[in-house]
Amino acid sequence: MIYKGKAKTFHDAKLSRKEFQVGEKVLLLNSKLKLFLGKLNSRSLGPLMVVKTYQHGAVEIKFFTTNKIFKVNGHKPKHFYERDQVCIV
């Protein structure tokens, strides 16, 4: 029990919080991926654009094709790197 507590504290200290800026491009992790149905399919959707960020970590993102805006947890989107840097539109 003591080991588990110390391991969790160590792991949590190493986590870095992702911060997104308005206008930044992100990839959305697809958590409903079926492993054996087309296992070479991409696990992420995007690039998508960040419309609004909330203080508690949630992010509003927008599809470029449909202009649909929705709110997701801050852990789901990943930074979209283009030519070794984060793209800001």
PDB file of N, CA and C in Angstrom:
ATOM      1  N   MET A   1       0.822  -1.192   0.000  1.00  0.00           N
ATOM      2  CA  MET A   1       0.000   0.000   0.000  1.00  0.00           C
ATOM      3  C   MET A   1       0.874   1.269   0.000  1.00  0.00           C
ATOM      4  N   ILE A   2       1.936   1.236   0.786  1.00  0.00           N
ATOM      5  CA  ILE A   2       2.828   2.389   0.853  1.00  0.00           C
ATOM      6  C   ILE A   2       3.548   2.575  -0.474  1.00  0.00           C
ATOM      7  N   TYR A   3       3.983   1.460  -1.080  1.00  0.00           N
ATOM      8  CA  TYR A   3       4.665   1.532  -2.371  1.00  0.00           C
ATOM      9  C   TYR A   3       3.749   2.127  -3.435  1.00  0.00           C
ATOM     10  N   LYS A   4       2.488   1.689  -3.467  1.00  0.00           N
ATOM     11  CA  LYS A   4       1.541   2.195  -4.462  1.00  0.00           C
ATOM     12  C   LYS A   4       1.336   3.699  -4.304  1.00  0.00           C
ATOM     13  N   GLY A   5       1.242   4.158  -3.072  1.00  0.00           N
ATOM     14  CA  GLY A   5       1.067   5.584  -2.826  1.00  0.00           C
ATOM     15  C   GLY A   5       2.258   6.397  -3.295  1.00  0.00           C
ATOM     16  N   LYS A   6       3.458   5.910  -3.022  1.00  0.00           N
ATOM     17  CA  LYS A   6       4.665   6.618  -3.446  1.00  0.00           C
ATOM     18  C   LYS A   6       4.816   6.601  -4.963  1.00  0.00           C
ATOM     19  N   ALA A   7       4.492   5.459  -5.588  1.00  0.00           N
ATOM     20  CA  ALA A   7       4.580   5.358  -7.044  1.00  0.00           C
ATOM     21  C   ALA A   7       3.593   6.306  -7.716  1.00  0.00           C
ATOM     22  N   LYS A   8       2.378   6.404  -7.166  1.00  0.00           N
ATOM     23  CA  LYS A   8       1.378   7.314  -7.729  1.00  0.00           C
ATOM     24  C   LYS A   8       1.824   8.766  -7.576  1.00  0.00           C
ATOM     25  N   THR A   9       2.371   9.127  -6.435  1.00  0.00           N
ATOM     26  CA  THR A   9       2.854  10.487  -6.213  1.00  0.00           C
ATOM     27  C   THR A   9       3.971  10.828  -7.189  1.00  0.00           C
ATOM     28  N   PHE A  10       4.898   9.896  -7.402  1.00  0.00           N
ATOM     29  CA  PHE A  10       5.996  10.111  -8.337  1.00  0.00           C
ATOM     30  C   PHE A  10       5.468  10.279  -9.759  1.00  0.00           C
ATOM     31  N   HIS A  11       4.553   9.419 -10.162  1.00  0.00           N
ATOM     32  CA  HIS A  11       3.985   9.482 -11.512  1.00  0.00           C
ATOM     33  C   HIS A  11       3.218  10.791 -11.720  1.00  0.00           C
ATOM     34  N   ASP A  12       2.418  11.186 -10.748  1.00  0.00           N
ATOM     35  CA  ASP A  12       1.632  12.414 -10.873  1.00  0.00           C
ATOM     36  C   ASP A  12       2.519  13.653 -10.932  1.00  0.00           C
ATOM     37  N   ALA A  13       3.668  13.611 -10.283  1.00  0.00           N
ATOM     38  CA  ALA A  13       4.584  14.748 -10.309  1.00  0.00           C
ATOM     39  C   ALA A  13       5.210  14.921 -11.686  1.00  0.00           C
ATOM     40  N   LYS A  14       5.342  13.833 -12.446  1.00  0.00           N
ATOM     41  CA  LYS A  14       5.964  13.889 -13.769  1.00  0.00           C
ATOM     42  C   LYS A  14       4.984  14.258 -14.887  1.00  0.00           C
ATOM     43  N   LEU A  15       3.685  14.252 -14.597  1.00  0.00           N
ATOM     44  CA  LEU A  15       2.693  14.607 -15.614  1.00  0.00           C
ATOM     45  C   LEU A  15       2.773  16.087 -15.927  1.00  0.00           C
ATOM     46  N   SER A  16       2.689  16.404 -17.200  1.00  0.00           N
ATOM     47  CA  SER A  16       2.683  17.814 -17.583  1.00  0.00           C
ATOM     48  C   SER A  16       1.314  18.156 -18.148  1.00  0.00           C
ATOM     49  N   ARG A  17       0.785  19.281 -17.754  1.00  0.00           N
ATOM     50  CA  ARG A  17      -0.527  19.708 -18.204  1.00  0.00           C
ATOM     51  C   ARG A  17      -0.400  20.365 -19.572  1.00  0.00           C
ATOM     52  N   LYS A  18      -1.253  19.931 -20.510  1.00  0.00           N
ATOM     53  CA  LYS A  18      -1.224  20.500 -21.846  1.00  0.00           C
ATOM     54  C   LYS A  18      -2.030  21.794 -21.848  1.00  0.00           C
ATOM     55  N   GLU A  19      -1.474  22.814 -22.422  1.00  0.00           N
ATOM     56  CA  GLU A  19      -2.175  24.086 -22.540  1.00  0.00           C
ATOM     57  C   GLU A  19      -2.364  24.391 -24.014  1.00  0.00           C
ATOM     58  N   PHE A  20      -3.600  24.685 -24.383  1.00  0.00           N
ATOM     59  CA  PHE A  20      -3.929  24.994 -25.765  1.00  0.00           C
ATOM     60  C   PHE A  20      -4.280  26.468 -25.876  1.00  0.00           C
ATOM     61  N   GLN A  21      -3.966  27.039 -27.027  1.00  0.00           N
ATOM     62  CA  GLN A  21      -4.290  28.435 -27.288  1.00  0.00           C
ATOM     63  C   GLN A  21      -5.357  28.495 -28.373  1.00  0.00           C
ATOM     64  N   VAL A  22      -6.148  29.560 -28.339  1.00  0.00           N
ATOM     65  CA  VAL A  22      -7.187  29.746 -29.342  1.00  0.00           C
ATOM     66  C   VAL A  22      -6.536  29.897 -30.713  1.00  0.00           C
ATOM     67  N   GLY A  23      -7.050  29.162 -31.703  1.00  0.00           N
ATOM     68  CA  GLY A  23      -6.515  29.205 -33.047  1.00  0.00           C
ATOM     69  C   GLY A  23      -5.484  28.127 -33.337  1.00  0.00           C
ATOM     70  N   GLU A  24      -5.100  27.366 -32.340  1.00  0.00           N
ATOM     71  CA  GLU A  24      -4.098  26.318 -32.506  1.00  0.00           C
ATOM     72  C   GLU A  24      -4.740  25.076 -33.131  1.00  0.00           C
ATOM     73  N   LYS A  25      -3.989  24.350 -33.954  1.00  0.00           N
ATOM     74  CA  LYS A  25      -4.476  23.115 -34.550  1.00  0.00           C
ATOM     75  C   LYS A  25      -4.163  21.947 -33.616  1.00  0.00           C
ATOM     76  N   VAL A  26      -5.142  21.038 -33.479  1.00  0.00           N
ATOM     77  CA  VAL A  26      -4.980  19.873 -32.617  1.00  0.00           C
ATOM     78  C   VAL A  26      -5.487  18.630 -33.326  1.00  0.00           C
ATOM     79  N   LEU A  27      -5.078  17.473 -32.818  1.00  0.00           N
ATOM     80  CA  LEU A  27      -5.606  16.182 -33.242  1.00  0.00           C
ATOM     81  C   LEU A  27      -6.470  15.652 -32.121  1.00  0.00           C
ATOM     82  N   LEU A  28      -7.609  15.047 -32.448  1.00  0.00           N
ATOM     83  CA  LEU A  28      -8.515  14.502 -31.443  1.00  0.00           C
ATOM     84  C   LEU A  28      -8.351  12.995 -31.408  1.00  0.00           C
ATOM     85  N   LEU A  29      -8.023  12.462 -30.236  1.00  0.00           N
ATOM     86  CA  LEU A  29      -7.831  11.032 -30.062  1.00  0.00           C
ATOM     87  C   LEU A  29      -9.176  10.325 -30.157  1.00  0.00           C
ATOM     88  N   ASN A  30      -9.269   9.314 -31.014  1.00  0.00           N
ATOM     89  CA  ASN A  30     -10.490   8.545 -31.192  1.00  0.00           C
ATOM     90  C   ASN A  30     -10.475   7.378 -30.216  1.00  0.00           C
ATOM     91  N   SER A  31     -11.232   7.482 -29.119  1.00  0.00           N
ATOM     92  CA  SER A  31     -11.202   6.447 -28.082  1.00  0.00           C
ATOM     93  C   SER A  31     -12.098   5.267 -28.411  1.00  0.00           C
ATOM     94  N   LYS A  32     -12.934   5.368 -29.431  1.00  0.00           N
ATOM     95  CA  LYS A  32     -13.831   4.271 -29.777  1.00  0.00           C
ATOM     96  C   LYS A  32     -13.259   3.433 -30.908  1.00  0.00           C
ATOM     97  N   LEU A  33     -11.943   3.343 -30.963  1.00  0.00           N
ATOM     98  CA  LEU A  33     -11.271   2.578 -31.999  1.00  0.00           C
ATOM     99  C   LEU A  33     -11.458   1.089 -31.743  1.00  0.00           C
ATOM    100  N   LYS A  34     -11.918   0.359 -32.734  1.00  0.00           N
ATOM    101  CA  LYS A  34     -12.028  -1.095 -32.644  1.00  0.00           C
ATOM    102  C   LYS A  34     -10.697  -1.670 -33.128  1.00  0.00           C
ATOM    103  N   LEU A  35     -10.042  -2.447 -32.310  1.00  0.00           N
ATOM    104  CA  LEU A  35      -8.671  -2.860 -32.569  1.00  0.00           C
ATOM    105  C   LEU A  35      -8.522  -3.693 -33.838  1.00  0.00           C
ATOM    106  N   PHE A  36      -9.406  -4.642 -34.079  1.00  0.00           N
ATOM    107  CA  PHE A  36      -9.219  -5.541 -35.200  1.00  0.00           C
ATOM    108  C   PHE A  36      -9.984  -5.136 -36.449  1.00  0.00           C
ATOM    109  N   LEU A  37     -10.863  -4.158 -36.364  1.00  0.00           N
ATOM    110  CA  LEU A  37     -11.591  -3.703 -37.539  1.00  0.00           C
ATOM    111  C   LEU A  37     -10.782  -2.604 -38.210  1.00  0.00           C
ATOM    112  N   GLY A  38      -9.955  -2.961 -39.157  1.00  0.00           N
ATOM    113  CA  GLY A  38      -9.111  -1.978 -39.821  1.00  0.00           C
ATOM    114  C   GLY A  38      -8.050  -1.459 -38.885  1.00  0.00           C
ATOM    115  N   LYS A  39      -7.222  -2.365 -38.403  1.00  0.00           N
ATOM    116  CA  LYS A  39      -6.275  -1.979 -37.354  1.00  0.00           C
ATOM    117  C   LYS A  39      -5.213  -0.998 -37.831  1.00  0.00           C
ATOM    118  N   LEU A  40      -5.123  -0.733 -39.128  1.00  0.00           N
ATOM    119  CA  LEU A  40      -4.173   0.249 -39.619  1.00  0.00           C
ATOM    120  C   LEU A  40      -4.793   1.631 -39.758  1.00  0.00           C
ATOM    121  N   ASN A  41      -6.044   1.770 -39.345  1.00  0.00           N
ATOM    122  CA  ASN A  41      -6.688   3.083 -39.388  1.00  0.00           C
ATOM    123  C   ASN A  41      -6.035   4.024 -38.387  1.00  0.00           C
ATOM    124  N   SER A  42      -6.135   5.299 -38.666  1.00  0.00           N
ATOM    125  CA  SER A  42      -5.572   6.301 -37.768  1.00  0.00           C
ATOM    126  C   SER A  42      -6.387   6.359 -36.483  1.00  0.00           C
ATOM    127  N   ARG A  43      -5.718   6.554 -35.359  1.00  0.00           N
ATOM    128  CA  ARG A  43      -6.395   6.644 -34.073  1.00  0.00           C
ATOM    129  C   ARG A  43      -6.832   8.060 -33.756  1.00  0.00           C
ATOM    130  N   SER A  44      -6.572   9.011 -34.632  1.00  0.00           N
ATOM    131  CA  SER A  44      -6.922  10.391 -34.316  1.00  0.00           C
ATOM    132  C   SER A  44      -7.616  11.056 -35.492  1.00  0.00           C
ATOM    133  N   LEU A  45      -8.421  12.050 -35.171  1.00  0.00           N
ATOM    134  CA  LEU A  45      -9.111  12.853 -36.170  1.00  0.00           C
ATOM    135  C   LEU A  45      -8.443  14.217 -36.232  1.00  0.00           C
ATOM    136  N   GLY A  46      -8.419  14.799 -37.403  1.00  0.00           N
ATOM    137  CA  GLY A  46      -7.902  16.151 -37.419  1.00  0.00           C
ATOM    138  C   GLY A  46      -7.098  16.458 -38.650  1.00  0.00           C
ATOM    139  N   PRO A  47      -6.547  17.611 -38.710  1.00  0.00           N
ATOM    140  CA  PRO A  47      -6.417  18.605 -37.651  1.00  0.00           C
ATOM    141  C   PRO A  47      -7.722  19.373 -37.423  1.00  0.00           C
ATOM    142  N   LEU A  48      -7.923  19.768 -36.185  1.00  0.00           N
ATOM    143  CA  LEU A  48      -9.063  20.565 -35.764  1.00  0.00           C
ATOM    144  C   LEU A  48      -8.545  21.869 -35.172  1.00  0.00           C
ATOM    145  N   MET A  49      -9.419  22.870 -35.057  1.00  0.00           N
ATOM    146  CA  MET A  49      -8.975  24.160 -34.539  1.00  0.00           C
ATOM    147  C   MET A  49      -9.588  24.418 -33.162  1.00  0.00           C
ATOM    148  N   VAL A  50      -8.778  24.927 -32.232  1.00  0.00           N
ATOM    149  CA  VAL A  50      -9.245  25.281 -30.896  1.00  0.00           C
ATOM    150  C   VAL A  50      -9.996  26.602 -30.980  1.00  0.00           C
ATOM    151  N   VAL A  51     -11.244  26.605 -30.492  1.00  0.00           N
ATOM    152  CA  VAL A  51     -12.082  27.799 -30.517  1.00  0.00           C
ATOM    153  C   VAL A  51     -12.047  28.507 -29.168  1.00  0.00           C
ATOM    154  N   LYS A  52     -12.091  27.717 -28.079  1.00  0.00           N
ATOM    155  CA  LYS A  52     -12.135  28.306 -26.742  1.00  0.00           C
ATOM    156  C   LYS A  52     -11.543  27.319 -25.751  1.00  0.00           C
ATOM    157  N   THR A  53     -10.845  27.840 -24.749  1.00  0.00           N
ATOM    158  CA  THR A  53     -10.326  27.000 -23.681  1.00  0.00           C
ATOM    159  C   THR A  53     -10.951  27.442 -22.372  1.00  0.00           C
ATOM    160  N   TYR A  54     -11.172  26.495 -21.491  1.00  0.00           N
ATOM    161  CA  TYR A  54     -11.752  26.775 -20.187  1.00  0.00           C
ATOM    162  C   TYR A  54     -10.699  26.589 -19.113  1.00  0.00           C
ATOM    163  N   GLN A  55     -10.909  27.231 -17.980  1.00  0.00           N
ATOM    164  CA  GLN A  55      -9.929  27.224 -16.909  1.00  0.00           C
ATOM    165  C   GLN A  55      -9.758  25.833 -16.301  1.00  0.00           C
ATOM    166  N   HIS A  56     -10.812  25.034 -16.286  1.00  0.00           N
ATOM    167  CA  HIS A  56     -10.743  23.700 -15.685  1.00  0.00           C
ATOM    168  C   HIS A  56     -10.164  22.657 -16.631  1.00  0.00           C
ATOM    169  N   GLY A  57      -9.759  23.043 -17.853  1.00  0.00           N
ATOM    170  CA  GLY A  57      -9.059  22.134 -18.751  1.00  0.00           C
ATOM    171  C   GLY A  57      -9.832  21.709 -19.980  1.00  0.00           C
ATOM    172  N   ALA A  58     -11.138  21.967 -20.026  1.00  0.00           N
ATOM    173  CA  ALA A  58     -11.921  21.584 -21.202  1.00  0.00           C
ATOM    174  C   ALA A  58     -11.568  22.493 -22.381  1.00  0.00           C
ATOM    175  N   VAL A  59     -11.796  21.977 -23.598  1.00  0.00           N
ATOM    176  CA  VAL A  59     -11.438  22.697 -24.814  1.00  0.00           C
ATOM    177  C   VAL A  59     -12.593  22.590 -25.804  1.00  0.00           C
ATOM    178  N   GLU A  60     -12.964  23.704 -26.424  1.00  0.00           N
ATOM    179  CA  GLU A  60     -13.929  23.676 -27.519  1.00  0.00           C
ATOM    180  C   GLU A  60     -13.150  23.633 -28.816  1.00  0.00           C
ATOM    181  N   ILE A  61     -13.486  22.646 -29.673  1.00  0.00           N
ATOM    182  CA  ILE A  61     -12.789  22.510 -30.941  1.00  0.00           C
ATOM    183  C   ILE A  61     -13.782  22.536 -32.092  1.00  0.00           C
ATOM    184  N   LYS A  62     -13.268  22.864 -33.284  1.00  0.00           N
ATOM    185  CA  LYS A  62     -14.117  23.009 -34.466  1.00  0.00           C
ATOM    186  C   LYS A  62     -13.530  22.217 -35.620  1.00  0.00           C
ATOM    187  N   PHE A  63     -14.410  21.469 -36.307  1.00  0.00           N
ATOM    188  CA  PHE A  63     -14.008  20.788 -37.535  1.00  0.00           C
ATOM    189  C   PHE A  63     -13.881  21.818 -38.641  1.00  0.00           C
ATOM    190  N   PHE A  64     -12.855  21.698 -39.478  1.00  0.00           N
ATOM    191  CA  PHE A  64     -12.696  22.611 -40.603  1.00  0.00           C
ATOM    192  C   PHE A  64     -13.739  22.347 -41.685  1.00  0.00           C
ATOM    193  N   THR A  65     -14.103  21.077 -41.872  1.00  0.00           N
ATOM    194  CA  THR A  65     -15.008  20.732 -42.975  1.00  0.00           C
ATOM    195  C   THR A  65     -16.456  21.089 -42.691  1.00  0.00           C
ATOM    196  N   THR A  66     -16.950  20.795 -41.480  1.00  0.00           N
ATOM    197  CA  THR A  66     -18.365  21.011 -41.176  1.00  0.00           C
ATOM    198  C   THR A  66     -18.625  22.233 -40.307  1.00  0.00           C
ATOM    199  N   ASN A  67     -17.581  22.867 -39.777  1.00  0.00           N
ATOM    200  CA  ASN A  67     -17.695  24.006 -38.862  1.00  0.00           C
ATOM    201  C   ASN A  67     -18.500  23.675 -37.614  1.00  0.00           C
ATOM    202  N   LYS A  68     -18.566  22.401 -37.250  1.00  0.00           N
ATOM    203  CA  LYS A  68     -19.260  21.969 -36.044  1.00  0.00           C
ATOM    204  C   LYS A  68     -18.344  22.180 -34.845  1.00  0.00           C
ATOM    205  N   ILE A  69     -18.870  22.803 -33.793  1.00  0.00           N
ATOM    206  CA  ILE A  69     -18.094  23.102 -32.590  1.00  0.00           C
ATOM    207  C   ILE A  69     -18.601  22.225 -31.453  1.00  0.00           C
ATOM    208  N   PHE A  70     -17.685  21.606 -30.715  1.00  0.00           N
ATOM    209  CA  PHE A  70     -18.084  20.833 -29.550  1.00  0.00           C
ATOM    210  C   PHE A  70     -16.988  20.875 -28.497  1.00  0.00           C
ATOM    211  N   LYS A  71     -17.368  20.563 -27.273  1.00  0.00           N
ATOM    212  CA  LYS A  71     -16.474  20.640 -26.127  1.00  0.00           C
ATOM    213  C   LYS A  71     -15.960  19.250 -25.781  1.00  0.00           C
ATOM    214  N   VAL A  72     -14.655  19.142 -25.527  1.00  0.00           N
ATOM    215  CA  VAL A  72     -14.041  17.873 -25.153  1.00  0.00           C
ATOM    216  C   VAL A  72     -13.170  18.066 -23.919  1.00  0.00           C
ATOM    217  N   ASN A  73     -12.866  16.968 -23.286  1.00  0.00           N
ATOM    218  CA  ASN A  73     -11.970  16.972 -22.143  1.00  0.00           C
ATOM    219  C   ASN A  73     -10.575  17.379 -22.605  1.00  0.00           C
ATOM    220  N   GLY A  74      -9.824  18.041 -21.773  1.00  0.00           N
ATOM    221  CA  GLY A  74      -8.498  18.515 -22.143  1.00  0.00           C
ATOM    222  C   GLY A  74      -7.472  17.429 -22.364  1.00  0.00           C
ATOM    223  N   HIS A  75      -7.781  16.172 -21.961  1.00  0.00           N
ATOM    224  CA  HIS A  75      -6.847  15.074 -22.167  1.00  0.00           C
ATOM    225  C   HIS A  75      -6.955  14.477 -23.558  1.00  0.00           C
ATOM    226  N   LYS A  76      -8.080  14.654 -24.233  1.00  0.00           N
ATOM    227  CA  LYS A  76      -8.295  14.022 -25.534  1.00  0.00           C
ATOM    228  C   LYS A  76      -7.506  14.663 -26.669  1.00  0.00           C
ATOM    229  N   PRO A  77      -7.498  15.997 -26.818  1.00  0.00           N
ATOM    230  CA  PRO A  77      -6.745  16.559 -27.950  1.00  0.00           C
ATOM    231  C   PRO A  77      -5.236  16.498 -27.723  1.00  0.00           C
ATOM    232  N   LYS A  78      -4.531  16.350 -28.830  1.00  0.00           N
ATOM    233  CA  LYS A  78      -3.068  16.349 -28.817  1.00  0.00           C
ATOM    234  C   LYS A  78      -2.597  17.482 -29.724  1.00  0.00           C
ATOM    235  N   HIS A  79      -1.441  18.047 -29.427  1.00  0.00           N
ATOM    236  CA  HIS A  79      -0.899  19.114 -30.257  1.00  0.00           C
ATOM    237  C   HIS A  79      -0.616  18.594 -31.663  1.00  0.00           C
ATOM    238  N   PHE A  80      -0.922  19.403 -32.665  1.00  0.00           N
ATOM    239  CA  PHE A  80      -0.661  19.055 -34.057  1.00  0.00           C
ATOM    240  C   PHE A  80       0.626  19.729 -34.468  1.00  0.00           C
ATOM    241  N   TYR A  81       1.646  18.929 -34.754  1.00  0.00           N
ATOM    242  CA  TYR A  81       2.948  19.467 -35.135  1.00  0.00           C
ATOM    243  C   TYR A  81       3.084  19.437 -36.647  1.00  0.00           C
ATOM    244  N   GLU A  82       3.493  20.550 -37.189  1.00  0.00           N
ATOM    245  CA  GLU A  82       3.691  20.667 -38.622  1.00  0.00           C
ATOM    246  C   GLU A  82       5.058  21.300 -38.844  1.00  0.00           C
ATOM    247  N   ARG A  83       5.948  20.548 -39.430  1.00  0.00           N
ATOM    248  CA  ARG A  83       7.322  21.011 -39.664  1.00  0.00           C
ATOM    249  C   ARG A  83       8.020  21.374 -38.348  1.00  0.00           C
ATOM    250  N   ASP A  84       7.927  20.482 -37.378  1.00  0.00           N
ATOM    251  CA  ASP A  84       8.640  20.587 -36.094  1.00  0.00           C
ATOM    252  C   ASP A  84       8.236  21.770 -35.234  1.00  0.00           C
ATOM    253  N   GLN A  85       7.029  22.295 -35.403  1.00  0.00           N
ATOM    254  CA  GLN A  85       6.555  23.344 -34.513  1.00  0.00           C
ATOM    255  C   GLN A  85       5.046  23.317 -34.437  1.00  0.00           C
ATOM    256  N   VAL A  86       4.490  23.898 -33.396  1.00  0.00           N
ATOM    257  CA  VAL A  86       3.045  23.932 -33.222  1.00  0.00           C
ATOM    258  C   VAL A  86       2.481  25.002 -34.135  1.00  0.00           C
ATOM    259  N   CYS A  87       1.446  24.647 -34.899  1.00  0.00           N
ATOM    260  CA  CYS A  87       0.851  25.591 -35.846  1.00  0.00           C
ATOM    261  C   CYS A  87      -0.202  26.438 -35.156  1.00  0.00           C
ATOM    262  N   ILE A  88      -0.128  27.718 -35.331  1.00  0.00           N
ATOM    263  CA  ILE A  88      -1.148  28.639 -34.831  1.00  0.00           C
ATOM    264  C   ILE A  88      -1.713  29.375 -36.021  1.00  0.00           C
ATOM    265  N   VAL A  89      -3.023  29.255 -36.210  1.00  0.00           N
ATOM    266  CA  VAL A  89      -3.686  29.869 -37.361  1.00  0.00           C
ATOM    267  C   VAL A  89      -4.016  31.309 -37.056  1.00  0.00           C
TER     268      VAL A  89
END
